[in-house]
């Protein structure tokens, strides 16, 4: 089976950004980051300033099966 390297931090960062932006529903931040390009830049900005965790994923295995709670604990 083939293996790939998966960034375990990315889903956590995306989830946290979604949660924070959800708080600002009527705020200009919500409108600005609804633009895909700006949202991607925000994700890249956050990822470049955090330590990232990676795992080797076997073909057919989901990243959801990996333990991503380590990422949350490190950045809390």
PDB file of N, CA and C in Angstrom:
ATOM      1  N   UNK A   1       0.837  -1.187   0.000  1.00  0.00           N
ATOM      2  CA  UNK A   1       0.000   0.000   0.000  1.00  0.00           C
ATOM      3  C   UNK A   1       0.883   1.252   0.000  1.00  0.00           C
ATOM      4  N   UNK A   2       0.415   2.285  -0.654  1.00  0.00           N
ATOM      5  CA  UNK A   2       1.169   3.525  -0.669  1.00  0.00           C
ATOM      6  C   UNK A   2       0.812   4.372   0.555  1.00  0.00           C
ATOM      7  N   UNK A   3       1.728   5.223   0.908  1.00  0.00           N
ATOM      8  CA  UNK A   3       1.553   6.078   2.076  1.00  0.00           C
ATOM      9  C   UNK A   3       1.759   7.530   1.667  1.00  0.00           C
ATOM     10  N   UNK A   4       1.074   8.419   2.359  1.00  0.00           N
ATOM     11  CA  UNK A   4       1.263   9.847   2.137  1.00  0.00           C
ATOM     12  C   UNK A   4       1.449  10.529   3.481  1.00  0.00           C
ATOM     13  N   UNK A   5       1.996  11.727   3.434  1.00  0.00           N
ATOM     14  CA  UNK A   5       2.179  12.514   4.649  1.00  0.00           C
ATOM     15  C   UNK A   5       1.016  13.499   4.745  1.00  0.00           C
ATOM     16  N   UNK A   6       0.369  13.528   5.893  1.00  0.00           N
ATOM     17  CA  UNK A   6      -0.783  14.413   6.101  1.00  0.00           C
ATOM     18  C   UNK A   6      -0.471  15.417   7.204  1.00  0.00           C
ATOM     19  N   UNK A   7      -0.879  16.656   6.975  1.00  0.00           N
ATOM     20  CA  UNK A   7      -0.729  17.699   7.977  1.00  0.00           C
ATOM     21  C   UNK A   7      -1.918  17.601   8.931  1.00  0.00           C
ATOM     22  N   UNK A   8      -1.671  17.244  10.180  1.00  0.00           N
ATOM     23  CA  UNK A   8      -2.744  17.097  11.164  1.00  0.00           C
ATOM     24  C   UNK A   8      -3.184  18.437  11.737  1.00  0.00           C
ATOM     25  N   UNK A   9      -2.368  19.457  11.571  1.00  0.00           N
ATOM     26  CA  UNK A   9      -2.687  20.770  12.120  1.00  0.00           C
ATOM     27  C   UNK A   9      -3.691  21.507  11.248  1.00  0.00           C
ATOM     28  N   UNK A  10      -3.647  21.303   9.953  1.00  0.00           N
ATOM     29  CA  UNK A  10      -4.510  22.024   9.020  1.00  0.00           C
ATOM     30  C   UNK A  10      -5.998  21.912   9.360  1.00  0.00           C
ATOM     31  N   UNK A  11      -6.544  20.718   9.573  1.00  0.00           N
ATOM     32  CA  UNK A  11      -7.980  20.651   9.890  1.00  0.00           C
ATOM     33  C   UNK A  11      -8.343  21.384  11.180  1.00  0.00           C
ATOM     34  N   UNK A  12      -7.438  21.367  12.139  1.00  0.00           N
ATOM     35  CA  UNK A  12      -7.690  22.052  13.412  1.00  0.00           C
ATOM     36  C   UNK A  12      -7.705  23.559  13.193  1.00  0.00           C
ATOM     37  N   UNK A  13      -6.756  24.063  12.417  1.00  0.00           N
ATOM     38  CA  UNK A  13      -6.690  25.496  12.133  1.00  0.00           C
ATOM     39  C   UNK A  13      -7.943  25.941  11.382  1.00  0.00           C
ATOM     40  N   UNK A  14      -8.343  25.194  10.377  1.00  0.00           N
ATOM     41  CA  UNK A  14      -9.539  25.542   9.606  1.00  0.00           C
ATOM     42  C   UNK A  14     -10.770  25.548  10.510  1.00  0.00           C
ATOM     43  N   UNK A  15     -10.885  24.548  11.371  1.00  0.00           N
ATOM     44  CA  UNK A  15     -12.021  24.463  12.294  1.00  0.00           C
ATOM     45  C   UNK A  15     -12.051  25.661  13.233  1.00  0.00           C
ATOM     46  N   UNK A  16     -10.909  26.040  13.774  1.00  0.00           N
ATOM     47  CA  UNK A  16     -10.848  27.172  14.703  1.00  0.00           C
ATOM     48  C   UNK A  16     -11.154  28.492  13.995  1.00  0.00           C
ATOM     49  N   UNK A  17     -10.657  28.661  12.779  1.00  0.00           N
ATOM     50  CA  UNK A  17     -10.948  29.879  12.017  1.00  0.00           C
ATOM     51  C   UNK A  17     -12.444  29.971  11.745  1.00  0.00           C
ATOM     52  N   UNK A  18     -13.055  28.856  11.348  1.00  0.00           N
ATOM     53  CA  UNK A  18     -14.497  28.843  11.097  1.00  0.00           C
ATOM     54  C   UNK A  18     -15.268  29.223  12.354  1.00  0.00           C
ATOM     55  N   UNK A  19     -14.828  28.699  13.494  1.00  0.00           N
ATOM     56  CA  UNK A  19     -15.510  28.982  14.754  1.00  0.00           C
ATOM     57  C   UNK A  19     -15.400  30.463  15.117  1.00  0.00           C
ATOM     58  N   UNK A  20     -14.219  31.029  14.997  1.00  0.00           N
ATOM     59  CA  UNK A  20     -14.011  32.439  15.338  1.00  0.00           C
ATOM     60  C   UNK A  20     -14.764  33.350  14.376  1.00  0.00           C
ATOM     61  N   UNK A  21     -14.689  33.063  13.086  1.00  0.00           N
ATOM     62  CA  UNK A  21     -15.387  33.907  12.121  1.00  0.00           C
ATOM     63  C   UNK A  21     -16.900  33.791  12.271  1.00  0.00           C
ATOM     64  N   UNK A  22     -17.377  32.681  12.785  1.00  0.00           N
ATOM     65  CA  UNK A  22     -18.803  32.521  13.029  1.00  0.00           C
ATOM     66  C   UNK A  22     -19.325  33.472  14.091  1.00  0.00           C
ATOM     67  N   UNK A  23     -18.453  33.906  14.977  1.00  0.00           N
ATOM     68  CA  UNK A  23     -18.824  34.851  16.031  1.00  0.00           C
ATOM     69  C   UNK A  23     -19.100  36.228  15.439  1.00  0.00           C
ATOM     70  N   UNK A  24     -18.390  36.566  14.368  1.00  0.00           N
ATOM     71  CA  UNK A  24     -18.483  37.888  13.751  1.00  0.00           C
ATOM     72  C   UNK A  24     -19.418  37.880  12.549  1.00  0.00           C
ATOM     73  N   UNK A  25     -20.633  37.405  12.713  1.00  0.00           N
ATOM     74  CA  UNK A  25     -21.535  37.237  11.563  1.00  0.00           C
ATOM     75  C   UNK A  25     -21.843  38.541  10.847  1.00  0.00           C
ATOM     76  N   UNK A  26     -22.012  39.636  11.555  1.00  0.00           N
ATOM     77  CA  UNK A  26     -22.335  40.911  10.904  1.00  0.00           C
ATOM     78  C   UNK A  26     -21.127  41.831  10.777  1.00  0.00           C
ATOM     79  N   UNK A  27     -19.983  41.334  11.080  1.00  0.00           N
ATOM     80  CA  UNK A  27     -18.769  42.139  11.082  1.00  0.00           C
ATOM     81  C   UNK A  27     -18.083  42.074   9.719  1.00  0.00           C
ATOM     82  N   UNK A  28     -17.332  43.098   9.355  1.00  0.00           N
ATOM     83  CA  UNK A  28     -16.628  43.085   8.056  1.00  0.00           C
ATOM     84  C   UNK A  28     -15.658  41.913   7.893  1.00  0.00           C
ATOM     85  N   UNK A  29     -15.140  41.366   9.016  1.00  0.00           N
ATOM     86  CA  UNK A  29     -14.233  40.226   8.908  1.00  0.00           C
ATOM     87  C   UNK A  29     -14.923  39.051   8.226  1.00  0.00           C
ATOM     88  N   UNK A  30     -16.177  38.824   8.581  1.00  0.00           N
ATOM     89  CA  UNK A  30     -16.933  37.720   7.998  1.00  0.00           C
ATOM     90  C   UNK A  30     -17.039  37.878   6.480  1.00  0.00           C
ATOM     91  N   UNK A  31     -17.336  39.088   6.032  1.00  0.00           N
ATOM     92  CA  UNK A  31     -17.447  39.346   4.589  1.00  0.00           C
ATOM     93  C   UNK A  31     -16.081  39.211   3.909  1.00  0.00           C
ATOM     94  N   UNK A  32     -15.061  39.759   4.534  1.00  0.00           N
ATOM     95  CA  UNK A  32     -13.724  39.713   3.936  1.00  0.00           C
ATOM     96  C   UNK A  32     -13.235  38.274   3.789  1.00  0.00           C
ATOM     97  N   UNK A  33     -13.382  37.472   4.842  1.00  0.00           N
ATOM     98  CA  UNK A  33     -12.870  36.109   4.804  1.00  0.00           C
ATOM     99  C   UNK A  33     -13.834  35.124   4.160  1.00  0.00           C
ATOM    100  N   UNK A  34     -14.971  35.603   3.674  1.00  0.00           N
ATOM    101  CA  UNK A  34     -15.825  34.739   2.858  1.00  0.00           C
ATOM    102  C   UNK A  34     -15.247  34.625   1.451  1.00  0.00           C
ATOM    103  N   UNK A  35     -14.327  35.523   1.111  1.00  0.00           N
ATOM    104  CA  UNK A  35     -13.602  35.448  -0.168  1.00  0.00           C
ATOM    105  C   UNK A  35     -12.546  34.348  -0.028  1.00  0.00           C
ATOM    106  N   UNK A  36     -12.638  33.365  -0.884  1.00  0.00           N
ATOM    107  CA  UNK A  36     -11.794  32.172  -0.790  1.00  0.00           C
ATOM    108  C   UNK A  36     -10.302  32.505  -0.715  1.00  0.00           C
ATOM    109  N   UNK A  37      -9.845  33.413  -1.562  1.00  0.00           N
ATOM    110  CA  UNK A  37      -8.422  33.748  -1.601  1.00  0.00           C
ATOM    111  C   UNK A  37      -7.954  34.338  -0.263  1.00  0.00           C
ATOM    112  N   UNK A  38      -8.751  35.213   0.322  1.00  0.00           N
ATOM    113  CA  UNK A  38      -8.374  35.817   1.610  1.00  0.00           C
ATOM    114  C   UNK A  38      -8.406  34.786   2.733  1.00  0.00           C
ATOM    115  N   UNK A  39      -9.384  33.887   2.688  1.00  0.00           N
ATOM    116  CA  UNK A  39      -9.462  32.829   3.709  1.00  0.00           C
ATOM    117  C   UNK A  39      -8.235  31.928   3.618  1.00  0.00           C
ATOM    118  N   UNK A  40      -7.810  31.579   2.397  1.00  0.00           N
ATOM    119  CA  UNK A  40      -6.615  30.752   2.226  1.00  0.00           C
ATOM    120  C   UNK A  40      -5.370  31.475   2.755  1.00  0.00           C
ATOM    121  N   UNK A  41      -5.294  32.782   2.523  1.00  0.00           N
ATOM    122  CA  UNK A  41      -4.161  33.551   3.041  1.00  0.00           C
ATOM    123  C   UNK A  41      -4.158  33.567   4.567  1.00  0.00           C
ATOM    124  N   UNK A  42      -5.336  33.649   5.177  1.00  0.00           N
ATOM    125  CA  UNK A  42      -5.429  33.600   6.640  1.00  0.00           C
ATOM    126  C   UNK A  42      -4.963  32.247   7.157  1.00  0.00           C
ATOM    127  N   UNK A  43      -5.381  31.178   6.510  1.00  0.00           N
ATOM    128  CA  UNK A  43      -4.967  29.833   6.922  1.00  0.00           C
ATOM    129  C   UNK A  43      -3.459  29.678   6.803  1.00  0.00           C
ATOM    130  N   UNK A  44      -2.889  30.142   5.703  1.00  0.00           N
ATOM    131  CA  UNK A  44      -1.440  30.066   5.510  1.00  0.00           C
ATOM    132  C   UNK A  44      -0.717  30.887   6.572  1.00  0.00           C
ATOM    133  N   UNK A  45      -1.244  32.074   6.875  1.00  0.00           N
ATOM    134  CA  UNK A  45      -0.648  32.940   7.889  1.00  0.00           C
ATOM    135  C   UNK A  45      -0.602  32.226   9.242  1.00  0.00           C
ATOM    136  N   UNK A  46      -1.713  31.623   9.627  1.00  0.00           N
ATOM    137  CA  UNK A  46      -1.776  30.933  10.927  1.00  0.00           C
ATOM    138  C   UNK A  46      -0.858  29.712  10.924  1.00  0.00           C
ATOM    139  N   UNK A  47      -0.893  28.923   9.859  1.00  0.00           N
ATOM    140  CA  UNK A  47      -0.049  27.724   9.795  1.00  0.00           C
ATOM    141  C   UNK A  47       1.436  28.060   9.831  1.00  0.00           C
ATOM    142  N   UNK A  48       1.805  29.187   9.243  1.00  0.00           N
ATOM    143  CA  UNK A  48       3.227  29.557   9.223  1.00  0.00           C
ATOM    144  C   UNK A  48       3.721  30.014  10.592  1.00  0.00           C
ATOM    145  N   UNK A  49       2.801  30.274  11.501  1.00  0.00           N
ATOM    146  CA  UNK A  49       3.173  30.753  12.830  1.00  0.00           C
ATOM    147  C   UNK A  49       2.891  29.744  13.937  1.00  0.00           C
ATOM    148  N   UNK A  50       2.560  28.522  13.562  1.00  0.00           N
ATOM    149  CA  UNK A  50       2.318  27.472  14.547  1.00  0.00           C
ATOM    150  C   UNK A  50       3.197  26.276  14.228  1.00  0.00           C
ATOM    151  N   UNK A  51       3.402  25.446  15.230  1.00  0.00           N
ATOM    152  CA  UNK A  51       4.116  24.197  14.951  1.00  0.00           C
ATOM    153  C   UNK A  51       3.109  23.218  14.366  1.00  0.00           C
ATOM    154  N   UNK A  52       3.501  22.584  13.284  1.00  0.00           N
ATOM    155  CA  UNK A  52       2.616  21.668  12.587  1.00  0.00           C
ATOM    156  C   UNK A  52       2.957  20.232  12.958  1.00  0.00           C
ATOM    157  N   UNK A  53       1.945  19.396  12.996  1.00  0.00           N
ATOM    158  CA  UNK A  53       2.112  17.970  13.253  1.00  0.00           C
ATOM    159  C   UNK A  53       1.731  17.210  11.999  1.00  0.00           C
ATOM    160  N   UNK A  54       2.518  16.184  11.695  1.00  0.00           N
ATOM    161  CA  UNK A  54       2.296  15.391  10.496  1.00  0.00           C
ATOM    162  C   UNK A  54       2.189  13.921  10.879  1.00  0.00           C
ATOM    163  N   UNK A  55       1.516  13.162  10.039  1.00  0.00           N
ATOM    164  CA  UNK A  55       1.409  11.722  10.229  1.00  0.00           C
ATOM    165  C   UNK A  55       1.491  11.050   8.872  1.00  0.00           C
ATOM    166  N   UNK A  56       1.952   9.821   8.879  1.00  0.00           N
ATOM    167  CA  UNK A  56       1.968   9.012   7.669  1.00  0.00           C
ATOM    168  C   UNK A  56       0.623   8.292   7.604  1.00  0.00           C
ATOM    169  N   UNK A  57      -0.063   8.479   6.492  1.00  0.00           N
ATOM    170  CA  UNK A  57      -1.390   7.906   6.304  1.00  0.00           C
ATOM    171  C   UNK A  57      -1.295   6.837   5.218  1.00  0.00           C
ATOM    172  N   UNK A  58      -1.809   5.660   5.519  1.00  0.00           N
ATOM    173  CA  UNK A  58      -1.839   4.592   4.521  1.00  0.00           C
ATOM    174  C   UNK A  58      -2.960   4.852   3.530  1.00  0.00           C
ATOM    175  N   UNK A  59      -2.802   4.350   2.331  1.00  0.00           N
ATOM    176  CA  UNK A  59      -3.813   4.520   1.286  1.00  0.00           C
ATOM    177  C   UNK A  59      -5.166   4.010   1.786  1.00  0.00           C
ATOM    178  N   UNK A  60      -6.191   4.834   1.633  1.00  0.00           N
ATOM    179  CA  UNK A  60      -7.533   4.462   2.062  1.00  0.00           C
ATOM    180  C   UNK A  60      -7.842   4.841   3.496  1.00  0.00           C
ATOM    181  N   UNK A  61      -6.831   5.218   4.270  1.00  0.00           N
ATOM    182  CA  UNK A  61      -7.051   5.628   5.658  1.00  0.00           C
ATOM    183  C   UNK A  61      -7.405   7.109   5.687  1.00  0.00           C
ATOM    184  N   UNK A  62      -8.315   7.471   6.560  1.00  0.00           N
ATOM    185  CA  UNK A  62      -8.758   8.854   6.661  1.00  0.00           C
ATOM    186  C   UNK A  62      -7.923   9.600   7.686  1.00  0.00           C
ATOM    187  N   UNK A  63      -7.702  10.880   7.418  1.00  0.00           N
ATOM    188  CA  UNK A  63      -6.982  11.727   8.378  1.00  0.00           C
ATOM    189  C   UNK A  63      -7.790  11.880   9.660  1.00  0.00           C
ATOM    190  N   UNK A  64      -9.098  11.708   9.566  1.00  0.00           N
ATOM    191  CA  UNK A  64      -9.972  11.817  10.740  1.00  0.00           C
ATOM    192  C   UNK A  64      -9.631  10.743  11.758  1.00  0.00           C
ATOM    193  N   UNK A  65      -9.106   9.619  11.294  1.00  0.00           N
ATOM    194  CA  UNK A  65      -8.736   8.535  12.200  1.00  0.00           C
ATOM    195  C   UNK A  65      -7.510   8.866  13.036  1.00  0.00           C
ATOM    196  N   UNK A  66      -6.773   9.880  12.642  1.00  0.00           N
ATOM    197  CA  UNK A  66      -5.557  10.256  13.355  1.00  0.00           C
ATOM    198  C   UNK A  66      -5.915  11.060  14.606  1.00  0.00           C
ATOM    199  N   UNK A  67      -5.017  11.069  15.557  1.00  0.00           N
ATOM    200  CA  UNK A  67      -5.239  11.784  16.805  1.00  0.00           C
ATOM    201  C   UNK A  67      -4.842  13.240  16.634  1.00  0.00           C
ATOM    202  N   UNK A  68      -5.827  14.131  16.450  1.00  0.00           N
ATOM    203  CA  UNK A  68      -5.518  15.547  16.268  1.00  0.00           C
ATOM    204  C   UNK A  68      -5.681  16.336  17.559  1.00  0.00           C
ATOM    205  N   UNK A  69      -6.043  15.669  18.644  1.00  0.00           N
ATOM    206  CA  UNK A  69      -6.191  16.391  19.902  1.00  0.00           C
ATOM    207  C   UNK A  69      -4.849  16.927  20.381  1.00  0.00           C
ATOM    208  N   UNK A  70      -3.753  16.314  19.957  1.00  0.00           N
ATOM    209  CA  UNK A  70      -2.427  16.806  20.340  1.00  0.00           C
ATOM    210  C   UNK A  70      -2.244  18.242  19.835  1.00  0.00           C
ATOM    211  N   UNK A  71      -2.756  18.511  18.660  1.00  0.00           N
ATOM    212  CA  UNK A  71      -2.644  19.863  18.092  1.00  0.00           C
ATOM    213  C   UNK A  71      -3.392  20.868  18.939  1.00  0.00           C
ATOM    214  N   UNK A  72      -4.591  20.520  19.370  1.00  0.00           N
ATOM    215  CA  UNK A  72      -5.398  21.419  20.179  1.00  0.00           C
ATOM    216  C   UNK A  72      -4.748  21.675  21.532  1.00  0.00           C
ATOM    217  N   UNK A  73      -4.203  20.639  22.139  1.00  0.00           N
ATOM    218  CA  UNK A  73      -3.577  20.791  23.456  1.00  0.00           C
ATOM    219  C   UNK A  73      -2.343  21.675  23.382  1.00  0.00           C
ATOM    220  N   UNK A  74      -1.567  21.554  22.314  1.00  0.00           N
ATOM    221  CA  UNK A  74      -0.340  22.340  22.188  1.00  0.00           C
ATOM    222  C   UNK A  74      -0.626  23.810  21.982  1.00  0.00           C
ATOM    223  N   UNK A  75      -1.752  24.164  21.348  1.00  0.00           N
ATOM    224  CA  UNK A  75      -2.020  25.540  20.987  1.00  0.00           C
ATOM    225  C   UNK A  75      -3.064  26.194  21.872  1.00  0.00           C
ATOM    226  N   UNK A  76      -3.482  25.512  22.930  1.00  0.00           N
ATOM    227  CA  UNK A  76      -4.475  26.095  23.838  1.00  0.00           C
ATOM    228  C   UNK A  76      -3.829  27.056  24.804  1.00  0.00           C
TER     229      UNK A  76
END
